[in-house]
Amino acid sequence: MEALAIEENVPFIDLCGRSAVAFKEMGYAKSREWLTWLRPGESPNYPEGIEDNTHLNEQGAEAVAQMAADAIGKLNLKIGV
């Protein structure tokens, strides 16, 4: 994606890289706070519970959205205005 952004001369925000750095800094145990880990009975959607290291939960989604917003601000992009 970065190469395409360069080729098209458009801004590029590497959320994958930013989130990877955040997860590494948090460490394995703490990073689970951003992922879909639920105990049995905690959610009607996953009555048996779930240990999903690939999908963000609400807290993780908000944190990554904040990373995107911060990057947009640093790039001084005018979005939706």
N, C-alpha and C. Protein backbone atom coordinates (compact mmCIF):
# COMPACT_ATOMS: atom_id res chain seq x y z
N MET A 1 0.82 -1.18 0.00
CA MET A 1 0.00 0.00 0.00
C MET A 1 0.88 1.26 0.00
N GLU A 2 1.96 1.19 0.73
CA GLU A 2 2.84 2.36 0.78
C GLU A 2 3.41 2.69 -0.60
N ALA A 3 3.82 1.67 -1.34
CA ALA A 3 4.36 1.89 -2.69
C ALA A 3 3.29 2.50 -3.60
N LEU A 4 2.06 2.03 -3.48
CA LEU A 4 0.98 2.59 -4.28
C LEU A 4 0.71 4.04 -3.90
N ALA A 5 0.75 4.34 -2.61
CA ALA A 5 0.55 5.72 -2.16
C ALA A 5 1.64 6.63 -2.74
N ILE A 6 2.86 6.15 -2.74
CA ILE A 6 3.96 6.93 -3.32
C ILE A 6 3.74 7.11 -4.82
N GLU A 7 3.38 6.02 -5.49
CA GLU A 7 3.14 6.08 -6.93
C GLU A 7 2.01 7.05 -7.28
N GLU A 8 0.97 7.05 -6.47
CA GLU A 8 -0.19 7.91 -6.72
C GLU A 8 -0.07 9.29 -6.08
N ASN A 9 1.03 9.51 -5.35
CA ASN A 9 1.28 10.78 -4.68
C ASN A 9 0.14 11.16 -3.73
N VAL A 10 -0.23 10.19 -2.88
CA VAL A 10 -1.27 10.41 -1.88
C VAL A 10 -0.71 10.09 -0.51
N PRO A 11 -1.29 10.66 0.54
CA PRO A 11 -0.81 10.37 1.90
C PRO A 11 -0.98 8.89 2.25
N PHE A 12 -0.09 8.42 3.09
CA PHE A 12 -0.12 7.02 3.53
C PHE A 12 -0.04 6.99 5.05
N ILE A 13 -0.95 6.26 5.68
CA ILE A 13 -0.92 6.05 7.12
C ILE A 13 -0.79 4.55 7.36
N ASP A 14 0.29 4.16 7.98
CA ASP A 14 0.57 2.75 8.22
C ASP A 14 -0.02 2.31 9.57
N LEU A 15 -1.32 2.03 9.58
CA LEU A 15 -1.96 1.60 10.82
C LEU A 15 -1.50 0.22 11.25
N CYS A 16 -1.14 -0.61 10.30
CA CYS A 16 -0.63 -1.94 10.64
C CYS A 16 0.67 -1.80 11.43
N GLY A 17 1.57 -0.99 10.93
CA GLY A 17 2.84 -0.77 11.61
C GLY A 17 2.66 -0.08 12.95
N ARG A 18 1.79 0.92 12.99
CA ARG A 18 1.56 1.65 14.25
C ARG A 18 0.96 0.73 15.31
N SER A 19 -0.02 -0.07 14.90
CA SER A 19 -0.65 -0.96 15.88
C SER A 19 0.32 -2.06 16.31
N ALA A 20 1.17 -2.54 15.39
CA ALA A 20 2.16 -3.56 15.75
C ALA A 20 3.12 -3.04 16.81
N VAL A 21 3.54 -1.79 16.66
CA VAL A 21 4.43 -1.17 17.66
C VAL A 21 3.71 -1.08 19.00
N ALA A 22 2.45 -0.67 18.98
CA ALA A 22 1.68 -0.55 20.22
C ALA A 22 1.54 -1.92 20.90
N PHE A 23 1.22 -2.95 20.12
CA PHE A 23 1.08 -4.29 20.70
C PHE A 23 2.40 -4.77 21.29
N LYS A 24 3.50 -4.50 20.60
CA LYS A 24 4.80 -4.93 21.11
C LYS A 24 5.14 -4.22 22.42
N GLU A 25 4.86 -2.92 22.46
CA GLU A 25 5.13 -2.15 23.67
C GLU A 25 4.24 -2.61 24.83
N MET A 26 3.01 -3.00 24.53
CA MET A 26 2.07 -3.45 25.57
C MET A 26 2.46 -4.81 26.13
N GLY A 27 3.03 -5.65 25.29
CA GLY A 27 3.32 -7.01 25.69
C GLY A 27 2.11 -7.90 25.49
N TYR A 28 2.35 -9.20 25.51
CA TYR A 28 1.31 -10.17 25.18
C TYR A 28 0.08 -10.06 26.09
N ALA A 29 0.29 -10.08 27.39
CA ALA A 29 -0.84 -10.10 28.32
C ALA A 29 -1.67 -8.83 28.22
N LYS A 30 -1.03 -7.69 28.19
CA LYS A 30 -1.75 -6.40 28.14
C LYS A 30 -2.43 -6.22 26.79
N SER A 31 -1.83 -6.69 25.71
CA SER A 31 -2.41 -6.50 24.38
C SER A 31 -3.75 -7.22 24.24
N ARG A 32 -3.98 -8.24 25.05
CA ARG A 32 -5.27 -8.94 25.00
C ARG A 32 -6.42 -8.01 25.36
N GLU A 33 -6.14 -6.90 26.03
CA GLU A 33 -7.18 -5.93 26.37
C GLU A 33 -7.78 -5.29 25.11
N TRP A 34 -7.05 -5.33 24.00
CA TRP A 34 -7.53 -4.74 22.75
C TRP A 34 -8.13 -5.78 21.81
N LEU A 35 -8.04 -7.05 22.18
CA LEU A 35 -8.47 -8.13 21.29
C LEU A 35 -9.72 -8.82 21.82
N THR A 36 -10.32 -9.65 21.00
CA THR A 36 -11.57 -10.32 21.35
C THR A 36 -11.30 -11.58 22.15
N TRP A 37 -11.08 -11.37 23.43
CA TRP A 37 -10.92 -12.47 24.38
C TRP A 37 -12.08 -12.38 25.35
N LEU A 38 -12.94 -13.39 25.33
CA LEU A 38 -14.11 -13.40 26.20
C LEU A 38 -14.20 -14.74 26.94
N ARG A 39 -14.54 -14.66 28.20
CA ARG A 39 -14.73 -15.87 28.99
C ARG A 39 -16.10 -16.48 28.66
N PRO A 40 -16.27 -17.77 28.88
CA PRO A 40 -17.58 -18.39 28.65
C PRO A 40 -18.67 -17.64 29.43
N GLY A 41 -19.78 -17.36 28.72
CA GLY A 41 -20.90 -16.66 29.32
C GLY A 41 -20.77 -15.15 29.35
N GLU A 42 -19.64 -14.61 28.94
CA GLU A 42 -19.43 -13.16 28.99
C GLU A 42 -20.20 -12.42 27.90
N SER A 43 -20.42 -13.09 26.77
CA SER A 43 -21.15 -12.48 25.66
C SER A 43 -22.10 -13.51 25.06
N PRO A 44 -23.35 -13.07 24.76
CA PRO A 44 -24.28 -14.01 24.13
C PRO A 44 -23.84 -14.41 22.72
N ASN A 45 -22.98 -13.61 22.11
CA ASN A 45 -22.47 -13.94 20.78
C ASN A 45 -21.46 -15.09 20.81
N TYR A 46 -20.80 -15.27 21.95
CA TYR A 46 -19.81 -16.32 22.12
C TYR A 46 -20.06 -17.03 23.45
N PRO A 47 -21.12 -17.82 23.53
CA PRO A 47 -21.48 -18.43 24.82
C PRO A 47 -20.37 -19.32 25.39
N GLU A 48 -19.54 -19.89 24.53
CA GLU A 48 -18.44 -20.74 24.98
C GLU A 48 -17.17 -19.94 25.24
N GLY A 49 -17.22 -18.63 24.97
CA GLY A 49 -16.04 -17.79 25.08
C GLY A 49 -15.25 -17.81 23.78
N ILE A 50 -14.23 -16.97 23.70
CA ILE A 50 -13.41 -16.91 22.49
C ILE A 50 -12.04 -16.31 22.86
N GLU A 51 -11.01 -16.79 22.19
CA GLU A 51 -9.65 -16.25 22.33
C GLU A 51 -9.18 -15.92 20.92
N ASP A 52 -9.48 -14.70 20.49
CA ASP A 52 -9.24 -14.27 19.11
C ASP A 52 -8.16 -13.19 19.10
N ASN A 53 -7.00 -13.53 18.59
CA ASN A 53 -5.88 -12.58 18.53
C ASN A 53 -5.84 -11.79 17.22
N THR A 54 -6.89 -11.86 16.42
CA THR A 54 -6.87 -11.16 15.13
C THR A 54 -7.90 -10.05 15.02
N HIS A 55 -8.91 -10.06 15.87
CA HIS A 55 -9.96 -9.06 15.77
C HIS A 55 -9.97 -8.16 17.02
N LEU A 56 -10.08 -6.86 16.77
CA LEU A 56 -10.12 -5.89 17.85
C LEU A 56 -11.47 -5.92 18.56
N ASN A 57 -11.45 -5.65 19.86
CA ASN A 57 -12.68 -5.41 20.58
C ASN A 57 -12.95 -3.91 20.54
N GLU A 58 -13.95 -3.44 21.26
CA GLU A 58 -14.30 -2.02 21.21
C GLU A 58 -13.14 -1.14 21.68
N GLN A 59 -12.49 -1.52 22.75
CA GLN A 59 -11.36 -0.73 23.27
C GLN A 59 -10.23 -0.67 22.25
N GLY A 60 -9.91 -1.80 21.63
CA GLY A 60 -8.86 -1.83 20.62
C GLY A 60 -9.22 -1.02 19.39
N ALA A 61 -10.48 -1.12 18.97
CA ALA A 61 -10.93 -0.36 17.80
C ALA A 61 -10.83 1.13 18.07
N GLU A 62 -11.20 1.55 19.27
CA GLU A 62 -11.11 2.97 19.61
C GLU A 62 -9.65 3.42 19.64
N ALA A 63 -8.76 2.58 20.14
CA ALA A 63 -7.33 2.94 20.21
C ALA A 63 -6.74 3.07 18.81
N VAL A 64 -7.06 2.15 17.92
CA VAL A 64 -6.54 2.21 16.55
C VAL A 64 -7.17 3.38 15.80
N ALA A 65 -8.45 3.65 16.04
CA ALA A 65 -9.09 4.82 15.43
C ALA A 65 -8.40 6.11 15.89
N GLN A 66 -7.99 6.14 17.16
CA GLN A 66 -7.26 7.31 17.66
C GLN A 66 -5.91 7.45 16.97
N MET A 67 -5.25 6.31 16.71
CA MET A 67 -3.99 6.36 15.96
C MET A 67 -4.23 6.97 14.58
N ALA A 68 -5.31 6.57 13.93
CA ALA A 68 -5.63 7.10 12.60
C ALA A 68 -5.90 8.60 12.70
N ALA A 69 -6.69 9.00 13.68
CA ALA A 69 -7.01 10.42 13.84
C ALA A 69 -5.76 11.24 14.11
N ASP A 70 -4.87 10.73 14.95
CA ASP A 70 -3.61 11.42 15.24
C ASP A 70 -2.77 11.57 13.97
N ALA A 71 -2.70 10.52 13.18
CA ALA A 71 -1.91 10.55 11.93
C ALA A 71 -2.52 11.54 10.94
N ILE A 72 -3.84 11.57 10.86
CA ILE A 72 -4.52 12.50 9.95
C ILE A 72 -4.20 13.94 10.39
N GLY A 73 -4.23 14.17 11.69
CA GLY A 73 -3.90 15.51 12.21
C GLY A 73 -2.47 15.89 11.91
N LYS A 74 -1.52 14.96 12.09
CA LYS A 74 -0.11 15.27 11.84
C LYS A 74 0.14 15.53 10.35
N LEU A 75 -0.63 14.87 9.50
CA LEU A 75 -0.50 15.09 8.05
C LEU A 75 -1.27 16.33 7.60
N ASN A 76 -2.02 16.93 8.53
CA ASN A 76 -2.83 18.12 8.24
C ASN A 76 -3.81 17.88 7.09
N LEU A 77 -4.42 16.69 7.10
CA LEU A 77 -5.37 16.35 6.06
C LEU A 77 -6.73 16.96 6.38
N LYS A 78 -7.38 17.48 5.39
CA LYS A 78 -8.73 18.03 5.55
C LYS A 78 -9.71 16.96 5.09
N ILE A 79 -10.32 16.29 6.06
CA ILE A 79 -11.22 15.19 5.76
C ILE A 79 -12.62 15.55 6.20
N GLY A 80 -13.56 15.43 5.26
CA GLY A 80 -14.96 15.68 5.60
C GLY A 80 -15.28 17.11 5.95
N VAL A 81 -14.43 18.05 5.56
CA VAL A 81 -14.67 19.45 5.89
C VAL A 81 -14.90 20.24 4.63
